[in-house]
Amino acid sequence: MDVVTITELKGYNHLQRGSWGYFYQINSNNLDKLKNIITPKYQTLSYYGFDKKFFENFLSDNLQGIDRIVPIGRSLEMNYIWDGFNFFDCLTRTIDVK
């Protein structure tokens, strides 16, 4: 596994895939630049050093991507909500009899 630190975000950064154990990271205390590059292909944002409350304002801008925001070390945890979908709702059927 290799971690590559990038110094600036550009419109093509999402094309740099983290294949074969590569992970790209940027160190910043301002996430506003992320809003310009996030697409629906983004799923998880891992963070360190931010308070959960900080992300309420970040998310209020109606981002087209990002289904989960989790602390570093928890990005691979499974839950019944994954990639913005509730597994129970997607994988079960309800028969409504009235």
PDB file of N, CA and C in Angstrom:
ATOM      1  N   MET A   1       0.844  -1.174   0.000  1.00  0.00           N
ATOM      2  CA  MET A   1       0.000   0.000   0.000  1.00  0.00           C
ATOM      3  C   MET A   1       0.887   1.234   0.000  1.00  0.00           C
ATOM      4  N   ASP A   2       0.569   2.165  -0.869  1.00  0.00           N
ATOM      5  CA  ASP A   2       1.281   3.433  -0.926  1.00  0.00           C
ATOM      6  C   ASP A   2       0.287   4.572  -0.815  1.00  0.00           C
ATOM      7  N   VAL A   3       0.644   5.583  -0.048  1.00  0.00           N
ATOM      8  CA  VAL A   3      -0.169   6.779   0.076  1.00  0.00           C
ATOM      9  C   VAL A   3       0.553   7.911  -0.635  1.00  0.00           C
ATOM     10  N   VAL A   4      -0.142   8.531  -1.569  1.00  0.00           N
ATOM     11  CA  VAL A   4       0.422   9.639  -2.332  1.00  0.00           C
ATOM     12  C   VAL A   4      -0.273  10.913  -1.872  1.00  0.00           C
ATOM     13  N   THR A   5       0.496  11.867  -1.391  1.00  0.00           N
ATOM     14  CA  THR A   5      -0.070  13.143  -0.966  1.00  0.00           C
ATOM     15  C   THR A   5      -0.046  14.103  -2.135  1.00  0.00           C
ATOM     16  N   ILE A   6      -1.218  14.618  -2.499  1.00  0.00           N
ATOM     17  CA  ILE A   6      -1.295  15.617  -3.555  1.00  0.00           C
ATOM     18  C   ILE A   6      -1.393  16.984  -2.884  1.00  0.00           C
ATOM     19  N   THR A   7      -0.898  18.004  -3.557  1.00  0.00           N
ATOM     20  CA  THR A   7      -0.847  19.328  -2.953  1.00  0.00           C
ATOM     21  C   THR A   7      -1.988  20.234  -3.361  1.00  0.00           C
ATOM     22  N   GLU A   8      -2.641  19.910  -4.484  1.00  0.00           N
ATOM     23  CA  GLU A   8      -3.777  20.722  -4.901  1.00  0.00           C
ATOM     24  C   GLU A   8      -4.797  19.852  -5.629  1.00  0.00           C
ATOM     25  N   LEU A   9      -6.025  20.292  -5.573  1.00  0.00           N
ATOM     26  CA  LEU A   9      -7.102  19.575  -6.242  1.00  0.00           C
ATOM     27  C   LEU A   9      -7.345  20.204  -7.606  1.00  0.00           C
ATOM     28  N   LYS A  10      -7.391  19.358  -8.607  1.00  0.00           N
ATOM     29  CA  LYS A  10      -7.652  19.819  -9.966  1.00  0.00           C
ATOM     30  C   LYS A  10      -8.846  19.061 -10.506  1.00  0.00           C
ATOM     31  N   GLY A  11      -9.410  19.518 -11.585  1.00  0.00           N
ATOM     32  CA  GLY A  11     -10.596  18.902 -12.153  1.00  0.00           C
ATOM     33  C   GLY A  11     -10.407  17.464 -12.580  1.00  0.00           C
ATOM     34  N   TYR A  12      -9.184  17.011 -12.762  1.00  0.00           N
ATOM     35  CA  TYR A  12      -8.945  15.648 -13.232  1.00  0.00           C
ATOM     36  C   TYR A  12      -8.512  14.705 -12.113  1.00  0.00           C
ATOM     37  N   ASN A  13      -8.432  15.166 -10.883  1.00  0.00           N
ATOM     38  CA  ASN A  13      -7.979  14.303  -9.796  1.00  0.00           C
ATOM     39  C   ASN A  13      -8.815  13.038  -9.668  1.00  0.00           C
ATOM     40  N   HIS A  14     -10.092  13.105  -9.985  1.00  0.00           N
ATOM     41  CA  HIS A  14     -10.942  11.924  -9.855  1.00  0.00           C
ATOM     42  C   HIS A  14     -10.578  10.848 -10.870  1.00  0.00           C
ATOM     43  N   LEU A  15      -9.816  11.208 -11.888  1.00  0.00           N
ATOM     44  CA  LEU A  15      -9.380  10.221 -12.876  1.00  0.00           C
ATOM     45  C   LEU A  15      -8.169   9.432 -12.393  1.00  0.00           C
ATOM     46  N   GLN A  16      -7.500   9.921 -11.362  1.00  0.00           N
ATOM     47  CA  GLN A  16      -6.352   9.218 -10.801  1.00  0.00           C
ATOM     48  C   GLN A  16      -6.888   8.144  -9.868  1.00  0.00           C
ATOM     49  N   ARG A  17      -6.923   6.950 -10.340  1.00  0.00           N
ATOM     50  CA  ARG A  17      -7.487   5.851  -9.572  1.00  0.00           C
ATOM     51  C   ARG A  17      -6.467   5.310  -8.584  1.00  0.00           C
ATOM     52  N   GLY A  18      -6.937   4.943  -7.421  1.00  0.00           N
ATOM     53  CA  GLY A  18      -6.080   4.370  -6.400  1.00  0.00           C
ATOM     54  C   GLY A  18      -5.946   2.871  -6.541  1.00  0.00           C
ATOM     55  N   SER A  19      -5.616   2.403  -7.730  1.00  0.00           N
ATOM     56  CA  SER A  19      -5.503   0.968  -7.986  1.00  0.00           C
ATOM     57  C   SER A  19      -4.236   0.387  -7.369  1.00  0.00           C
ATOM     58  N   TRP A  20      -4.255  -0.900  -7.177  1.00  0.00           N
ATOM     59  CA  TRP A  20      -3.098  -1.661  -6.704  1.00  0.00           C
ATOM     60  C   TRP A  20      -2.522  -1.121  -5.396  1.00  0.00           C
ATOM     61  N   GLY A  21      -3.400  -0.713  -4.503  1.00  0.00           N
ATOM     62  CA  GLY A  21      -2.953  -0.286  -3.184  1.00  0.00           C
ATOM     63  C   GLY A  21      -2.569   1.168  -3.070  1.00  0.00           C
ATOM     64  N   TYR A  22      -2.826   1.973  -4.091  1.00  0.00           N
ATOM     65  CA  TYR A  22      -2.530   3.401  -4.006  1.00  0.00           C
ATOM     66  C   TYR A  22      -3.721   4.151  -3.420  1.00  0.00           C
ATOM     67  N   PHE A  23      -3.433   5.042  -2.520  1.00  0.00           N
ATOM     68  CA  PHE A  23      -4.444   5.929  -1.952  1.00  0.00           C
ATOM     69  C   PHE A  23      -3.938   7.349  -2.097  1.00  0.00           C
ATOM     70  N   TYR A  24      -4.815   8.242  -2.519  1.00  0.00           N
ATOM     71  CA  TYR A  24      -4.450   9.646  -2.662  1.00  0.00           C
ATOM     72  C   TYR A  24      -5.055  10.424  -1.508  1.00  0.00           C
ATOM     73  N   GLN A  25      -4.269  11.332  -0.968  1.00  0.00           N
ATOM     74  CA  GLN A  25      -4.746  12.145   0.133  1.00  0.00           C
ATOM     75  C   GLN A  25      -4.312  13.583  -0.072  1.00  0.00           C
ATOM     76  N   ILE A  26      -5.063  14.480   0.549  1.00  0.00           N
ATOM     77  CA  ILE A  26      -4.679  15.889   0.580  1.00  0.00           C
ATOM     78  C   ILE A  26      -4.880  16.355   2.013  1.00  0.00           C
ATOM     79  N   ASN A  27      -3.966  17.135   2.503  1.00  0.00           N
ATOM     80  CA  ASN A  27      -4.060  17.665   3.856  1.00  0.00           C
ATOM     81  C   ASN A  27      -4.585  19.095   3.772  1.00  0.00           C
ATOM     82  N   SER A  28      -5.715  19.329   4.425  1.00  0.00           N
ATOM     83  CA  SER A  28      -6.324  20.651   4.379  1.00  0.00           C
ATOM     84  C   SER A  28      -7.264  20.814   5.554  1.00  0.00           C
ATOM     85  N   ASN A  29      -7.436  22.047   5.996  1.00  0.00           N
ATOM     86  CA  ASN A  29      -8.429  22.311   7.026  1.00  0.00           C
ATOM     87  C   ASN A  29      -9.644  23.021   6.431  1.00  0.00           C
ATOM     88  N   ASN A  30      -9.702  23.077   5.098  1.00  0.00           N
ATOM     89  CA  ASN A  30     -10.806  23.705   4.385  1.00  0.00           C
ATOM     90  C   ASN A  30     -11.274  22.751   3.286  1.00  0.00           C
ATOM     91  N   LEU A  31     -12.491  22.280   3.406  1.00  0.00           N
ATOM     92  CA  LEU A  31     -13.003  21.308   2.447  1.00  0.00           C
ATOM     93  C   LEU A  31     -13.776  21.940   1.297  1.00  0.00           C
ATOM     94  N   ASP A  32     -13.850  23.254   1.244  1.00  0.00           N
ATOM     95  CA  ASP A  32     -14.610  23.905   0.179  1.00  0.00           C
ATOM     96  C   ASP A  32     -14.111  23.534  -1.217  1.00  0.00           C
ATOM     97  N   LYS A  33     -12.819  23.313  -1.369  1.00  0.00           N
ATOM     98  CA  LYS A  33     -12.271  22.937  -2.682  1.00  0.00           C
ATOM     99  C   LYS A  33     -12.784  21.576  -3.136  1.00  0.00           C
ATOM    100  N   LEU A  34     -13.127  20.708  -2.189  1.00  0.00           N
ATOM    101  CA  LEU A  34     -13.657  19.395  -2.550  1.00  0.00           C
ATOM    102  C   LEU A  34     -14.984  19.510  -3.283  1.00  0.00           C
ATOM    103  N   LYS A  35     -15.764  20.506  -2.935  1.00  0.00           N
ATOM    104  CA  LYS A  35     -17.090  20.659  -3.530  1.00  0.00           C
ATOM    105  C   LYS A  35     -17.016  20.815  -5.044  1.00  0.00           C
ATOM    106  N   ASN A  36     -15.909  21.322  -5.555  1.00  0.00           N
ATOM    107  CA  ASN A  36     -15.757  21.550  -6.994  1.00  0.00           C
ATOM    108  C   ASN A  36     -15.421  20.288  -7.772  1.00  0.00           C
ATOM    109  N   ILE A  37     -14.943  19.254  -7.091  1.00  0.00           N
ATOM    110  CA  ILE A  37     -14.527  18.047  -7.825  1.00  0.00           C
ATOM    111  C   ILE A  37     -15.359  16.816  -7.515  1.00  0.00           C
ATOM    112  N   ILE A  38     -16.204  16.886  -6.486  1.00  0.00           N
ATOM    113  CA  ILE A  38     -17.008  15.722  -6.100  1.00  0.00           C
ATOM    114  C   ILE A  38     -18.060  15.442  -7.167  1.00  0.00           C
ATOM    115  N   THR A  39     -18.109  14.198  -7.603  1.00  0.00           N
ATOM    116  CA  THR A  39     -19.093  13.745  -8.591  1.00  0.00           C
ATOM    117  C   THR A  39     -19.903  12.614  -7.955  1.00  0.00           C
ATOM    118  N   PRO A  40     -20.945  12.156  -8.624  1.00  0.00           N
ATOM    119  CA  PRO A  40     -21.704  11.021  -8.082  1.00  0.00           C
ATOM    120  C   PRO A  40     -20.886   9.744  -7.926  1.00  0.00           C
ATOM    121  N   LYS A  41     -19.708   9.680  -8.524  1.00  0.00           N
ATOM    122  CA  LYS A  41     -18.863   8.489  -8.386  1.00  0.00           C
ATOM    123  C   LYS A  41     -18.194   8.409  -7.016  1.00  0.00           C
ATOM    124  N   TYR A  42     -18.145   9.518  -6.307  1.00  0.00           N
ATOM    125  CA  TYR A  42     -17.558   9.514  -4.971  1.00  0.00           C
ATOM    126  C   TYR A  42     -18.548   8.871  -4.018  1.00  0.00           C
ATOM    127  N   GLN A  43     -18.042   8.047  -3.109  1.00  0.00           N
ATOM    128  CA  GLN A  43     -18.925   7.364  -2.177  1.00  0.00           C
ATOM    129  C   GLN A  43     -18.615   7.715  -0.733  1.00  0.00           C
ATOM    130  N   THR A  44     -17.358   7.580  -0.346  1.00  0.00           N
ATOM    131  CA  THR A  44     -16.995   7.736   1.055  1.00  0.00           C
ATOM    132  C   THR A  44     -15.931   8.816   1.212  1.00  0.00           C
ATOM    133  N   LEU A  45     -16.144   9.688   2.169  1.00  0.00           N
ATOM    134  CA  LEU A  45     -15.147  10.686   2.546  1.00  0.00           C
ATOM    135  C   LEU A  45     -14.631  10.299   3.919  1.00  0.00           C
ATOM    136  N   SER A  46     -13.340  10.014   4.022  1.00  0.00           N
ATOM    137  CA  SER A  46     -12.722   9.706   5.309  1.00  0.00           C
ATOM    138  C   SER A  46     -12.034  10.961   5.819  1.00  0.00           C
ATOM    139  N   TYR A  47     -12.146  11.197   7.098  1.00  0.00           N
ATOM    140  CA  TYR A  47     -11.592  12.431   7.657  1.00  0.00           C
ATOM    141  C   TYR A  47     -10.843  12.172   8.950  1.00  0.00           C
ATOM    142  N   TYR A  48     -10.044  13.153   9.309  1.00  0.00           N
ATOM    143  CA  TYR A  48      -9.338  13.164  10.583  1.00  0.00           C
ATOM    144  C   TYR A  48      -9.223  14.615  11.019  1.00  0.00           C
ATOM    145  N   GLY A  49      -9.504  14.884  12.256  1.00  0.00           N
ATOM    146  CA  GLY A  49      -9.306  16.220  12.797  1.00  0.00           C
ATOM    147  C   GLY A  49     -10.492  17.159  12.647  1.00  0.00           C
ATOM    148  N   PHE A  50     -11.618  16.652  12.178  1.00  0.00           N
ATOM    149  CA  PHE A  50     -12.825  17.466  12.066  1.00  0.00           C
ATOM    150  C   PHE A  50     -13.861  16.932  13.043  1.00  0.00           C
ATOM    151  N   ASP A  51     -14.726  17.793  13.491  1.00  0.00           N
ATOM    152  CA  ASP A  51     -15.851  17.424  14.333  1.00  0.00           C
ATOM    153  C   ASP A  51     -17.016  17.009  13.437  1.00  0.00           C
ATOM    154  N   LYS A  52     -17.816  16.041  13.869  1.00  0.00           N
ATOM    155  CA  LYS A  52     -18.972  15.604  13.075  1.00  0.00           C
ATOM    156  C   LYS A  52     -19.883  16.773  12.723  1.00  0.00           C
ATOM    157  N   LYS A  53     -20.026  17.716  13.621  1.00  0.00           N
ATOM    158  CA  LYS A  53     -20.898  18.856  13.401  1.00  0.00           C
ATOM    159  C   LYS A  53     -20.416  19.711  12.225  1.00  0.00           C
ATOM    160  N   PHE A  54     -19.128  19.704  11.977  1.00  0.00           N
ATOM    161  CA  PHE A  54     -18.557  20.472  10.869  1.00  0.00           C
ATOM    162  C   PHE A  54     -19.196  20.065   9.535  1.00  0.00           C
ATOM    163  N   PHE A  55     -19.518  18.795   9.382  1.00  0.00           N
ATOM    164  CA  PHE A  55     -20.005  18.286   8.107  1.00  0.00           C
ATOM    165  C   PHE A  55     -21.459  18.654   7.817  1.00  0.00           C
ATOM    166  N   GLU A  56     -22.210  19.086   8.823  1.00  0.00           N
ATOM    167  CA  GLU A  56     -23.586  19.516   8.579  1.00  0.00           C
ATOM    168  C   GLU A  56     -23.614  20.659   7.570  1.00  0.00           C
ATOM    169  N   ASN A  57     -22.728  21.624   7.734  1.00  0.00           N
ATOM    170  CA  ASN A  57     -22.643  22.759   6.814  1.00  0.00           C
ATOM    171  C   ASN A  57     -22.121  22.302   5.454  1.00  0.00           C
ATOM    172  N   PHE A  58     -21.156  21.414   5.455  1.00  0.00           N
ATOM    173  CA  PHE A  58     -20.576  20.888   4.222  1.00  0.00           C
ATOM    174  C   PHE A  58     -21.636  20.176   3.386  1.00  0.00           C
ATOM    175  N   LEU A  59     -22.480  19.400   4.026  1.00  0.00           N
ATOM    176  CA  LEU A  59     -23.502  18.630   3.329  1.00  0.00           C
ATOM    177  C   LEU A  59     -24.704  19.472   2.905  1.00  0.00           C
ATOM    178  N   SER A  60     -24.879  20.620   3.512  1.00  0.00           N
ATOM    179  CA  SER A  60     -26.049  21.434   3.196  1.00  0.00           C
ATOM    180  C   SER A  60     -25.995  22.006   1.781  1.00  0.00           C
ATOM    181  N   ASP A  61     -24.873  21.874   1.098  1.00  0.00           N
ATOM    182  CA  ASP A  61     -24.729  22.396  -0.259  1.00  0.00           C
ATOM    183  C   ASP A  61     -25.215  21.416  -1.325  1.00  0.00           C
ATOM    184  N   ASN A  62     -25.915  20.357  -0.912  1.00  0.00           N
ATOM    185  CA  ASN A  62     -26.522  19.410  -1.848  1.00  0.00           C
ATOM    186  C   ASN A  62     -25.496  18.818  -2.820  1.00  0.00           C
ATOM    187  N   LEU A  63     -24.519  18.136  -2.277  1.00  0.00           N
ATOM    188  CA  LEU A  63     -23.473  17.516  -3.084  1.00  0.00           C
ATOM    189  C   LEU A  63     -24.047  16.397  -3.937  1.00  0.00           C
ATOM    190  N   GLN A  64     -23.483  16.200  -5.115  1.00  0.00           N
ATOM    191  CA  GLN A  64     -23.932  15.152  -6.027  1.00  0.00           C
ATOM    192  C   GLN A  64     -23.367  13.783  -5.657  1.00  0.00           C
ATOM    193  N   GLY A  65     -22.362  13.730  -4.840  1.00  0.00           N
ATOM    194  CA  GLY A  65     -21.763  12.471  -4.431  1.00  0.00           C
ATOM    195  C   GLY A  65     -21.662  12.407  -2.914  1.00  0.00           C
ATOM    196  N   ILE A  66     -20.857  11.540  -2.396  1.00  0.00           N
ATOM    197  CA  ILE A  66     -20.613  11.310  -0.981  1.00  0.00           C
ATOM    198  C   ILE A  66     -21.854  10.731  -0.306  1.00  0.00           C
ATOM    199  N   ASP A  67     -21.798   9.433  -0.066  1.00  0.00           N
ATOM    200  CA  ASP A  67     -22.874   8.745   0.623  1.00  0.00           C
ATOM    201  C   ASP A  67     -22.576   8.533   2.102  1.00  0.00           C
ATOM    202  N   ARG A  68     -21.279   8.572   2.438  1.00  0.00           N
ATOM    203  CA  ARG A  68     -20.882   8.350   3.830  1.00  0.00           C
ATOM    204  C   ARG A  68     -19.705   9.252   4.158  1.00  0.00           C
ATOM    205  N   ILE A  69     -19.690   9.745   5.370  1.00  0.00           N
ATOM    206  CA  ILE A  69     -18.548  10.498   5.881  1.00  0.00           C
ATOM    207  C   ILE A  69     -18.168   9.818   7.185  1.00  0.00           C
ATOM    208  N   VAL A  70     -16.958   9.272   7.233  1.00  0.00           N
ATOM    209  CA  VAL A  70     -16.534   8.472   8.383  1.00  0.00           C
ATOM    210  C   VAL A  70     -15.117   8.845   8.787  1.00  0.00           C
ATOM    211  N   PRO A  71     -14.787   8.642  10.066  1.00  0.00           N
ATOM    212  CA  PRO A  71     -13.407   8.863  10.490  1.00  0.00           C
ATOM    213  C   PRO A  71     -12.468   7.861   9.813  1.00  0.00           C
ATOM    214  N   ILE A  72     -11.232   8.259   9.618  1.00  0.00           N
ATOM    215  CA  ILE A  72     -10.228   7.344   9.063  1.00  0.00           C
ATOM    216  C   ILE A  72     -10.199   6.084   9.920  1.00  0.00           C
ATOM    217  N   GLY A  73     -10.117   4.960   9.266  1.00  0.00           N
ATOM    218  CA  GLY A  73     -10.105   3.679   9.960  1.00  0.00           C
ATOM    219  C   GLY A  73     -11.466   3.007   9.984  1.00  0.00           C
ATOM    220  N   ARG A  74     -12.509   3.730   9.582  1.00  0.00           N
ATOM    221  CA  ARG A  74     -13.849   3.148   9.604  1.00  0.00           C
ATOM    222  C   ARG A  74     -14.469   3.076   8.207  1.00  0.00           C
ATOM    223  N   SER A  75     -13.695   3.372   7.184  1.00  0.00           N
ATOM    224  CA  SER A  75     -14.262   3.456   5.837  1.00  0.00           C
ATOM    225  C   SER A  75     -14.688   2.099   5.268  1.00  0.00           C
ATOM    226  N   LEU A  76     -14.163   1.008   5.773  1.00  0.00           N
ATOM    227  CA  LEU A  76     -14.532  -0.307   5.263  1.00  0.00           C
ATOM    228  C   LEU A  76     -15.561  -1.026   6.133  1.00  0.00           C
ATOM    229  N   GLU A  77     -16.036  -0.366   7.187  1.00  0.00           N
ATOM    230  CA  GLU A  77     -17.039  -0.983   8.041  1.00  0.00           C
ATOM    231  C   GLU A  77     -18.360  -1.105   7.294  1.00  0.00           C
ATOM    232  N   MET A  78     -19.023  -2.224   7.454  1.00  0.00           N
ATOM    233  CA  MET A  78     -20.334  -2.452   6.850  1.00  0.00           C
ATOM    234  C   MET A  78     -21.416  -2.098   7.856  1.00  0.00           C
ATOM    235  N   ASN A  79     -22.507  -1.609   7.334  1.00  0.00           N
ATOM    236  CA  ASN A  79     -23.669  -1.306   8.130  1.00  0.00           C
ATOM    237  C   ASN A  79     -24.883  -1.587   7.255  1.00  0.00           C
ATOM    238  N   TYR A  80     -26.066  -1.544   7.799  1.00  0.00           N
ATOM    239  CA  TYR A  80     -27.234  -1.810   6.972  1.00  0.00           C
ATOM    240  C   TYR A  80     -27.505  -0.663   5.995  1.00  0.00           C
ATOM    241  N   ILE A  81     -26.879   0.485   6.209  1.00  0.00           N
ATOM    242  CA  ILE A  81     -26.923   1.569   5.222  1.00  0.00           C
ATOM    243  C   ILE A  81     -25.555   1.612   4.559  1.00  0.00           C
ATOM    244  N   TRP A  82     -25.532   1.436   3.234  1.00  0.00           N
ATOM    245  CA  TRP A  82     -24.271   1.381   2.482  1.00  0.00           C
ATOM    246  C   TRP A  82     -24.451   2.131   1.171  1.00  0.00           C
ATOM    247  N   ASP A  83     -23.518   2.995   0.869  1.00  0.00           N
ATOM    248  CA  ASP A  83     -23.567   3.804  -0.358  1.00  0.00           C
ATOM    249  C   ASP A  83     -24.890   4.555  -0.502  1.00  0.00           C
ATOM    250  N   GLY A  84     -25.451   4.955   0.635  1.00  0.00           N
ATOM    251  CA  GLY A  84     -26.674   5.742   0.613  1.00  0.00           C
ATOM    252  C   GLY A  84     -27.955   4.931   0.515  1.00  0.00           C
ATOM    253  N   PHE A  85     -27.855   3.604   0.509  1.00  0.00           N
ATOM    254  CA  PHE A  85     -29.028   2.745   0.400  1.00  0.00           C
ATOM    255  C   PHE A  85     -29.215   1.930   1.670  1.00  0.00           C
ATOM    256  N   ASN A  86     -30.450   1.762   2.078  1.00  0.00           N
ATOM    257  CA  ASN A  86     -30.788   0.937   3.219  1.00  0.00           C
ATOM    258  C   ASN A  86     -30.981  -0.495   2.708  1.00  0.00           C
ATOM    259  N   PHE A  87     -30.072  -1.395   3.108  1.00  0.00           N
ATOM    260  CA  PHE A  87     -30.136  -2.778   2.649  1.00  0.00           C
ATOM    261  C   PHE A  87     -31.483  -3.427   2.945  1.00  0.00           C
ATOM    262  N   PHE A  88     -32.044  -3.160   4.120  1.00  0.00           N
ATOM    263  CA  PHE A  88     -33.313  -3.778   4.479  1.00  0.00           C
ATOM    264  C   PHE A  88     -34.409  -3.371   3.504  1.00  0.00           C
ATOM    265  N   ASP A  89     -34.416  -2.105   3.121  1.00  0.00           N
ATOM    266  CA  ASP A  89     -35.431  -1.640   2.176  1.00  0.00           C
ATOM    267  C   ASP A  89     -35.196  -2.192   0.775  1.00  0.00           C
ATOM    268  N   CYS A  90     -33.946  -2.330   0.387  1.00  0.00           N
ATOM    269  CA  CYS A  90     -33.615  -2.783  -0.967  1.00  0.00           C
ATOM    270  C   CYS A  90     -33.740  -4.294  -1.149  1.00  0.00           C
ATOM    271  N   LEU A  91     -33.492  -5.047  -0.105  1.00  0.00           N
ATOM    272  CA  LEU A  91     -33.414  -6.494  -0.242  1.00  0.00           C
ATOM    273  C   LEU A  91     -34.599  -7.245   0.367  1.00  0.00           C
ATOM    274  N   THR A  92     -35.582  -6.502   0.839  1.00  0.00           N
ATOM    275  CA  THR A  92     -36.755  -7.164   1.387  1.00  0.00           C
ATOM    276  C   THR A  92     -37.996  -6.671   0.669  1.00  0.00           C
ATOM    277  N   ARG A  93     -39.023  -7.415   0.819  1.00  0.00           N
ATOM    278  CA  ARG A  93     -40.291  -7.076   0.178  1.00  0.00           C
ATOM    279  C   ARG A  93     -41.366  -7.026   1.257  1.00  0.00           C
ATOM    280  N   THR A  94     -42.230  -6.057   1.147  1.00  0.00           N
ATOM    281  CA  THR A  94     -43.334  -5.929   2.079  1.00  0.00           C
ATOM    282  C   THR A  94     -44.633  -6.204   1.352  1.00  0.00           C
ATOM    283  N   ILE A  95     -45.415  -7.096   1.886  1.00  0.00           N
ATOM    284  CA  ILE A  95     -46.735  -7.375   1.322  1.00  0.00           C
ATOM    285  C   ILE A  95     -47.744  -6.662   2.221  1.00  0.00           C
ATOM    286  N   ASP A  96     -48.415  -5.707   1.655  1.00  0.00           N
ATOM    287  CA  ASP A  96     -49.352  -4.878   2.404  1.00  0.00           C
ATOM    288  C   ASP A  96     -50.762  -5.393   2.166  1.00  0.00           C
ATOM    289  N   VAL A  97     -51.378  -5.940   3.201  1.00  0.00           N
ATOM    290  CA  VAL A  97     -52.735  -6.453   3.118  1.00  0.00           C
ATOM    291  C   VAL A  97     -53.631  -5.560   3.956  1.00  0.00           C
ATOM    292  N   LYS A  98     -54.712  -5.077   3.345  1.00  0.00           N
ATOM    293  CA  LYS A  98     -55.628  -4.190   4.085  1.00  0.00           C
ATOM    294  C   LYS A  98     -57.023  -4.734   4.049  1.00  0.00           C
TER     295      LYS A  98
END
